[in-house]
Amino acid sequence: MAKALLGYVGGSDPRLLAEMRRLQQRVQDLESELVRIQTENDALSAAAAQHPGESLLDGIDIDVSQEPALT
């Protein structure tokens, strides 16, 4: 009877467990990516703070006299 109740309540379905493991791995991957991007952002912010008068866009040649594109 206990086995029947466990199956009825939703015991350990192998597909459900596999999906849960896959999602847990995806969360770990995303957390690692977030840490990497935060570290990169911190480094870029520190580099920008060392040169406060310069912009990262200063080296890009842009013709500002043109009309903006219609979207």
PDB file of N, CA and C in Angstrom:
ATOM      1  N   MET A   1       0.829  -1.189   0.000  1.00  0.00           N
ATOM      2  CA  MET A   1       0.000   0.000   0.000  1.00  0.00           C
ATOM      3  C   MET A   1       0.874   1.253   0.000  1.00  0.00           C
ATOM      4  N   ALA A   2       1.976   1.225   0.759  1.00  0.00           N
ATOM      5  CA  ALA A   2       2.854   2.398   0.815  1.00  0.00           C
ATOM      6  C   ALA A   2       3.417   2.714  -0.565  1.00  0.00           C
ATOM      7  N   LYS A   3       3.771   1.683  -1.322  1.00  0.00           N
ATOM      8  CA  LYS A   3       4.290   1.910  -2.669  1.00  0.00           C
ATOM      9  C   LYS A   3       3.220   2.530  -3.558  1.00  0.00           C
ATOM     10  N   ALA A   4       2.012   2.090  -3.420  1.00  0.00           N
ATOM     11  CA  ALA A   4       0.919   2.645  -4.213  1.00  0.00           C
ATOM     12  C   ALA A   4       0.703   4.108  -3.859  1.00  0.00           C
ATOM     13  N   LEU A   5       0.748   4.447  -2.587  1.00  0.00           N
ATOM     14  CA  LEU A   5       0.578   5.833  -2.176  1.00  0.00           C
ATOM     15  C   LEU A   5       1.740   6.694  -2.660  1.00  0.00           C
ATOM     16  N   LEU A   6       2.959   6.156  -2.565  1.00  0.00           N
ATOM     17  CA  LEU A   6       4.125   6.907  -3.008  1.00  0.00           C
ATOM     18  C   LEU A   6       4.025   7.191  -4.504  1.00  0.00           C
ATOM     19  N   GLY A   7       3.598   6.213  -5.269  1.00  0.00           N
ATOM     20  CA  GLY A   7       3.429   6.420  -6.703  1.00  0.00           C
ATOM     21  C   GLY A   7       2.319   7.401  -7.006  1.00  0.00           C
ATOM     22  N   TYR A   8       1.275   7.362  -6.218  1.00  0.00           N
ATOM     23  CA  TYR A   8       0.148   8.259  -6.424  1.00  0.00           C
ATOM     24  C   TYR A   8       0.511   9.695  -6.084  1.00  0.00           C
ATOM     25  N   VAL A   9       1.287   9.889  -5.007  1.00  0.00           N
ATOM     26  CA  VAL A   9       1.663  11.227  -4.558  1.00  0.00           C
ATOM     27  C   VAL A   9       2.720  11.822  -5.476  1.00  0.00           C
ATOM     28  N   GLY A  10       3.438  11.002  -6.181  1.00  0.00           N
ATOM     29  CA  GLY A  10       4.448  11.532  -7.099  1.00  0.00           C
ATOM     30  C   GLY A  10       5.840  11.181  -6.641  1.00  0.00           C
ATOM     31  N   GLY A  11       6.086   9.924  -6.488  1.00  0.00           N
ATOM     32  CA  GLY A  11       7.412   9.468  -6.071  1.00  0.00           C
ATOM     33  C   GLY A  11       8.478   9.875  -7.060  1.00  0.00           C
ATOM     34  N   SER A  12       9.635   9.317  -6.924  1.00  0.00           N
ATOM     35  CA  SER A  12      10.785   9.743  -7.713  1.00  0.00           C
ATOM     36  C   SER A  12      10.677   9.236  -9.155  1.00  0.00           C
ATOM     37  N   ASP A  13      10.156  10.077 -10.018  1.00  0.00           N
ATOM     38  CA  ASP A  13      10.072   9.803 -11.446  1.00  0.00           C
ATOM     39  C   ASP A  13      11.444  10.103 -12.050  1.00  0.00           C
ATOM     40  N   PRO A  14      12.047   9.149 -12.736  1.00  0.00           N
ATOM     41  CA  PRO A  14      13.396   9.368 -13.296  1.00  0.00           C
ATOM     42  C   PRO A  14      13.464  10.568 -14.245  1.00  0.00           C
ATOM     43  N   ARG A  15      12.417  10.806 -15.010  1.00  0.00           N
ATOM     44  CA  ARG A  15      12.420  11.955 -15.925  1.00  0.00           C
ATOM     45  C   ARG A  15      12.410  13.263 -15.150  1.00  0.00           C
ATOM     46  N   LEU A  16      11.636  13.285 -14.070  1.00  0.00           N
ATOM     47  CA  LEU A  16      11.566  14.481 -13.236  1.00  0.00           C
ATOM     48  C   LEU A  16      12.909  14.741 -12.559  1.00  0.00           C
ATOM     49  N   LEU A  17      13.541  13.685 -12.065  1.00  0.00           N
ATOM     50  CA  LEU A  17      14.852  13.831 -11.423  1.00  0.00           C
ATOM     51  C   LEU A  17      15.910  14.301 -12.430  1.00  0.00           C
ATOM     52  N   ALA A  18      15.862  13.759 -13.643  1.00  0.00           N
ATOM     53  CA  ALA A  18      16.823  14.169 -14.675  1.00  0.00           C
ATOM     54  C   ALA A  18      16.621  15.637 -15.038  1.00  0.00           C
ATOM     55  N   GLU A  19      15.362  16.054 -15.155  1.00  0.00           N
ATOM     56  CA  GLU A  19      15.084  17.457 -15.465  1.00  0.00           C
ATOM     57  C   GLU A  19      15.543  18.369 -14.330  1.00  0.00           C
ATOM     58  N   MET A  20      15.333  17.935 -13.101  1.00  0.00           N
ATOM     59  CA  MET A  20      15.769  18.728 -11.952  1.00  0.00           C
ATOM     60  C   MET A  20      17.293  18.870 -11.934  1.00  0.00           C
ATOM     61  N   ARG A  21      18.002  17.782 -12.222  1.00  0.00           N
ATOM     62  CA  ARG A  21      19.476  17.854 -12.275  1.00  0.00           C
ATOM     63  C   ARG A  21      19.930  18.775 -13.401  1.00  0.00           C
ATOM     64  N   ARG A  22      19.257  18.703 -14.549  1.00  0.00           N
ATOM     65  CA  ARG A  22      19.608  19.560 -15.679  1.00  0.00           C
ATOM     66  C   ARG A  22      19.395  21.036 -15.324  1.00  0.00           C
ATOM     67  N   LEU A  23      18.287  21.329 -14.670  1.00  0.00           N
ATOM     68  CA  LEU A  23      18.004  22.710 -14.282  1.00  0.00           C
ATOM     69  C   LEU A  23      18.983  23.201 -13.217  1.00  0.00           C
ATOM     70  N   GLN A  24      19.339  22.335 -12.270  1.00  0.00           N
ATOM     71  CA  GLN A  24      20.327  22.724 -11.261  1.00  0.00           C
ATOM     72  C   GLN A  24      21.670  23.033 -11.913  1.00  0.00           C
ATOM     73  N   GLN A  25      22.066  22.244 -12.899  1.00  0.00           N
ATOM     74  CA  GLN A  25      23.324  22.490 -13.610  1.00  0.00           C
ATOM     75  C   GLN A  25      23.251  23.802 -14.378  1.00  0.00           C
ATOM     76  N   ARG A  26      22.103  24.071 -14.973  1.00  0.00           N
ATOM     77  CA  ARG A  26      21.926  25.329 -15.721  1.00  0.00           C
ATOM     78  C   ARG A  26      22.031  26.529 -14.792  1.00  0.00           C
ATOM     79  N   VAL A  27      21.441  26.421 -13.610  1.00  0.00           N
ATOM     80  CA  VAL A  27      21.533  27.500 -12.620  1.00  0.00           C
ATOM     81  C   VAL A  27      22.983  27.715 -12.218  1.00  0.00           C
ATOM     82  N   GLN A  28      23.720  26.642 -11.982  1.00  0.00           N
ATOM     83  CA  GLN A  28      25.139  26.769 -11.630  1.00  0.00           C
ATOM     84  C   GLN A  28      25.926  27.422 -12.756  1.00  0.00           C
ATOM     85  N   ASP A  29      25.635  27.041 -13.994  1.00  0.00           N
ATOM     86  CA  ASP A  29      26.319  27.648 -15.144  1.00  0.00           C
ATOM     87  C   ASP A  29      26.025  29.141 -15.232  1.00  0.00           C
ATOM     88  N   LEU A  30      24.771  29.503 -15.029  1.00  0.00           N
ATOM     89  CA  LEU A  30      24.402  30.917 -15.085  1.00  0.00           C
ATOM     90  C   LEU A  30      25.019  31.712 -13.945  1.00  0.00           C
ATOM     91  N   GLU A  31      25.108  31.117 -12.762  1.00  0.00           N
ATOM     92  CA  GLU A  31      25.753  31.805 -11.639  1.00  0.00           C
ATOM     93  C   GLU A  31      27.236  32.026 -11.925  1.00  0.00           C
ATOM     94  N   SER A  32      27.894  31.040 -12.523  1.00  0.00           N
ATOM     95  CA  SER A  32      29.305  31.191 -12.885  1.00  0.00           C
ATOM     96  C   SER A  32      29.488  32.285 -13.923  1.00  0.00           C
ATOM     97  N   GLU A  33      28.592  32.327 -14.909  1.00  0.00           N
ATOM     98  CA  GLU A  33      28.651  33.357 -15.944  1.00  0.00           C
ATOM     99  C   GLU A  33      28.442  34.739 -15.327  1.00  0.00           C
ATOM    100  N   LEU A  34      27.532  34.831 -14.373  1.00  0.00           N
ATOM    101  CA  LEU A  34      27.277  36.101 -13.704  1.00  0.00           C
ATOM    102  C   LEU A  34      28.510  36.590 -12.953  1.00  0.00           C
ATOM    103  N   VAL A  35      29.191  35.691 -12.246  1.00  0.00           N
ATOM    104  CA  VAL A  35      30.413  36.065 -11.521  1.00  0.00           C
ATOM    105  C   VAL A  35      31.482  36.534 -12.503  1.00  0.00           C
ATOM    106  N   ARG A  36      31.611  35.834 -13.642  1.00  0.00           N
ATOM    107  CA  ARG A  36      32.611  36.208 -14.650  1.00  0.00           C
ATOM    108  C   ARG A  36      32.298  37.593 -15.222  1.00  0.00           C
ATOM    109  N   ILE A  37      31.049  37.845 -15.521  1.00  0.00           N
ATOM    110  CA  ILE A  37      30.672  39.141 -16.099  1.00  0.00           C
ATOM    111  C   ILE A  37      30.823  40.254 -15.076  1.00  0.00           C
ATOM    112  N   GLN A  38      30.498  39.992 -13.815  1.00  0.00           N
ATOM    113  CA  GLN A  38      30.670  41.008 -12.778  1.00  0.00           C
ATOM    114  C   GLN A  38      32.144  41.354 -12.599  1.00  0.00           C
ATOM    115  N   THR A  39      33.005  40.338 -12.648  1.00  0.00           N
ATOM    116  CA  THR A  39      34.443  40.574 -12.529  1.00  0.00           C
ATOM    117  C   THR A  39      34.942  41.403 -13.706  1.00  0.00           C
ATOM    118  N   GLU A  40      34.486  41.076 -14.910  1.00  0.00           N
ATOM    119  CA  GLU A  40      34.872  41.829 -16.100  1.00  0.00           C
ATOM    120  C   GLU A  40      34.362  43.272 -16.015  1.00  0.00           C
ATOM    121  N   ASN A  41      33.151  43.446 -15.534  1.00  0.00           N
ATOM    122  CA  ASN A  41      32.579  44.781 -15.392  1.00  0.00           C
ATOM    123  C   ASN A  41      33.368  45.596 -14.371  1.00  0.00           C
ATOM    124  N   ASP A  42      33.746  44.964 -13.264  1.00  0.00           N
ATOM    125  CA  ASP A  42      34.540  45.663 -12.254  1.00  0.00           C
ATOM    126  C   ASP A  42      35.880  46.126 -12.829  1.00  0.00           C
ATOM    127  N   ALA A  43      36.510  45.259 -13.631  1.00  0.00           N
ATOM    128  CA  ALA A  43      37.786  45.616 -14.243  1.00  0.00           C
ATOM    129  C   ALA A  43      37.612  46.775 -15.218  1.00  0.00           C
ATOM    130  N   LEU A  44      36.552  46.754 -16.012  1.00  0.00           N
ATOM    131  CA  LEU A  44      36.298  47.851 -16.948  1.00  0.00           C
ATOM    132  C   LEU A  44      35.983  49.146 -16.209  1.00  0.00           C
ATOM    133  N   SER A  45      35.237  49.051 -15.124  1.00  0.00           N
ATOM    134  CA  SER A  45      34.918  50.244 -14.329  1.00  0.00           C
ATOM    135  C   SER A  45      36.181  50.830 -13.711  1.00  0.00           C
ATOM    136  N   ALA A  46      37.069  49.966 -13.232  1.00  0.00           N
ATOM    137  CA  ALA A  46      38.322  50.440 -12.645  1.00  0.00           C
ATOM    138  C   ALA A  46      39.183  51.110 -13.709  1.00  0.00           C
ATOM    139  N   ALA A  47      39.226  50.537 -14.910  1.00  0.00           N
ATOM    140  CA  ALA A  47      40.008  51.132 -15.996  1.00  0.00           C
ATOM    141  C   ALA A  47      39.417  52.478 -16.411  1.00  0.00           C
ATOM    142  N   ALA A  48      38.095  52.580 -16.431  1.00  0.00           N
ATOM    143  CA  ALA A  48      37.448  53.840 -16.797  1.00  0.00           C
ATOM    144  C   ALA A  48      37.681  54.894 -15.714  1.00  0.00           C
ATOM    145  N   ALA A  49      37.752  54.480 -14.457  1.00  0.00           N
ATOM    146  CA  ALA A  49      37.972  55.427 -13.356  1.00  0.00           C
ATOM    147  C   ALA A  49      39.391  55.989 -13.393  1.00  0.00           C
ATOM    148  N   GLN A  50      40.329  55.243 -13.954  1.00  0.00           N
ATOM    149  CA  GLN A  50      41.708  55.719 -14.047  1.00  0.00           C
ATOM    150  C   GLN A  50      41.843  56.817 -15.102  1.00  0.00           C
ATOM    151  N   HIS A  51      40.932  56.869 -16.042  1.00  0.00           N
ATOM    152  CA  HIS A  51      40.961  57.863 -17.111  1.00  0.00           C
ATOM    153  C   HIS A  51      39.601  58.564 -17.163  1.00  0.00           C
ATOM    154  N   PRO A  52      39.310  59.434 -16.203  1.00  0.00           N
ATOM    155  CA  PRO A  52      37.967  59.991 -16.088  1.00  0.00           C
ATOM    156  C   PRO A  52      37.550  60.891 -17.254  1.00  0.00           C
ATOM    157  N   GLY A  53      38.463  61.544 -17.942  1.00  0.00           N
ATOM    158  CA  GLY A  53      38.085  62.443 -19.024  1.00  0.00           C
ATOM    159  C   GLY A  53      37.874  61.748 -20.343  1.00  0.00           C
ATOM    160  N   GLU A  54      38.296  60.507 -20.448  1.00  0.00           N
ATOM    161  CA  GLU A  54      38.209  59.782 -21.714  1.00  0.00           C
ATOM    162  C   GLU A  54      36.956  58.926 -21.754  1.00  0.00           C
ATOM    163  N   SER A  55      36.421  58.799 -22.940  1.00  0.00           N
ATOM    164  CA  SER A  55      35.268  57.934 -23.147  1.00  0.00           C
ATOM    165  C   SER A  55      35.698  56.748 -23.989  1.00  0.00           C
ATOM    166  N   LEU A  56      35.073  55.619 -23.781  1.00  0.00           N
ATOM    167  CA  LEU A  56      35.376  54.454 -24.600  1.00  0.00           C
ATOM    168  C   LEU A  56      34.957  54.677 -26.050  1.00  0.00           C
ATOM    169  N   LEU A  57      34.058  55.630 -26.273  1.00  0.00           N
ATOM    170  CA  LEU A  57      33.571  55.898 -27.621  1.00  0.00           C
ATOM    171  C   LEU A  57      34.379  56.955 -28.351  1.00  0.00           C
ATOM    172  N   ASP A  58      35.403  57.547 -27.708  1.00  0.00           N
ATOM    173  CA  ASP A  58      36.204  58.599 -28.331  1.00  0.00           C
ATOM    174  C   ASP A  58      36.927  58.117 -29.590  1.00  0.00           C
ATOM    175  N   GLY A  59      37.326  56.868 -29.633  1.00  0.00           N
ATOM    176  CA  GLY A  59      38.072  56.340 -30.765  1.00  0.00           C
ATOM    177  C   GLY A  59      37.209  55.945 -31.943  1.00  0.00           C
ATOM    178  N   ILE A  60      35.895  56.076 -31.834  1.00  0.00           N
ATOM    179  CA  ILE A  60      34.989  55.671 -32.907  1.00  0.00           C
ATOM    180  C   ILE A  60      34.631  56.891 -33.738  1.00  0.00           C
ATOM    181  N   ASP A  61      34.815  56.777 -35.059  1.00  0.00           N
ATOM    182  CA  ASP A  61      34.515  57.882 -35.965  1.00  0.00           C
ATOM    183  C   ASP A  61      33.037  57.811 -36.345  1.00  0.00           C
ATOM    184  N   ILE A  62      32.266  58.788 -35.872  1.00  0.00           N
ATOM    185  CA  ILE A  62      30.827  58.811 -36.121  1.00  0.00           C
ATOM    186  C   ILE A  62      30.464  60.146 -36.753  1.00  0.00           C
ATOM    187  N   ASP A  63      29.705  60.087 -37.840  1.00  0.00           N
ATOM    188  CA  ASP A  63      29.212  61.304 -38.476  1.00  0.00           C
ATOM    189  C   ASP A  63      27.889  61.665 -37.808  1.00  0.00           C
ATOM    190  N   VAL A  64      27.906  62.681 -36.960  1.00  0.00           N
ATOM    191  CA  VAL A  64      26.722  63.049 -36.190  1.00  0.00           C
ATOM    192  C   VAL A  64      25.794  63.961 -36.960  1.00  0.00           C
ATOM    193  N   SER A  65      26.165  64.379 -38.170  1.00  0.00           N
ATOM    194  CA  SER A  65      25.317  65.302 -38.936  1.00  0.00           C
ATOM    195  C   SER A  65      24.190  64.570 -39.649  1.00  0.00           C
ATOM    196  N   GLN A  66      24.253  63.242 -39.739  1.00  0.00           N
ATOM    197  CA  GLN A  66      23.223  62.498 -40.443  1.00  0.00           C
ATOM    198  C   GLN A  66      21.970  62.373 -39.583  1.00  0.00           C
ATOM    199  N   GLU A  67      20.857  62.214 -40.279  1.00  0.00           N
ATOM    200  CA  GLU A  67      19.585  62.008 -39.590  1.00  0.00           C
ATOM    201  C   GLU A  67      19.572  60.603 -38.979  1.00  0.00           C
ATOM    202  N   PRO A  68      18.891  60.422 -37.872  1.00  0.00           N
ATOM    203  CA  PRO A  68      18.789  59.066 -37.308  1.00  0.00           C
ATOM    204  C   PRO A  68      17.940  58.173 -38.203  1.00  0.00           C
ATOM    205  N   ALA A  69      18.227  56.916 -38.174  1.00  0.00           N
ATOM    206  CA  ALA A  69      17.478  55.961 -38.990  1.00  0.00           C
ATOM    207  C   ALA A  69      16.076  55.781 -38.424  1.00  0.00           C
ATOM    208  N   LEU A  70      15.124  55.597 -39.302  1.00  0.00           N
ATOM    209  CA  LEU A  70      13.763  55.346 -38.877  1.00  0.00           C
ATOM    210  C   LEU A  70      13.637  53.889 -38.451  1.00  0.00           C
ATOM    211  N   THR A  71      12.888  53.687 -37.386  1.00  0.00           N
ATOM    212  CA  THR A  71      12.698  52.304 -36.940  1.00  0.00           C
ATOM    213  C   THR A  71      11.263  51.902 -37.054  1.00  0.00           C
TER     214      THR A  71
END
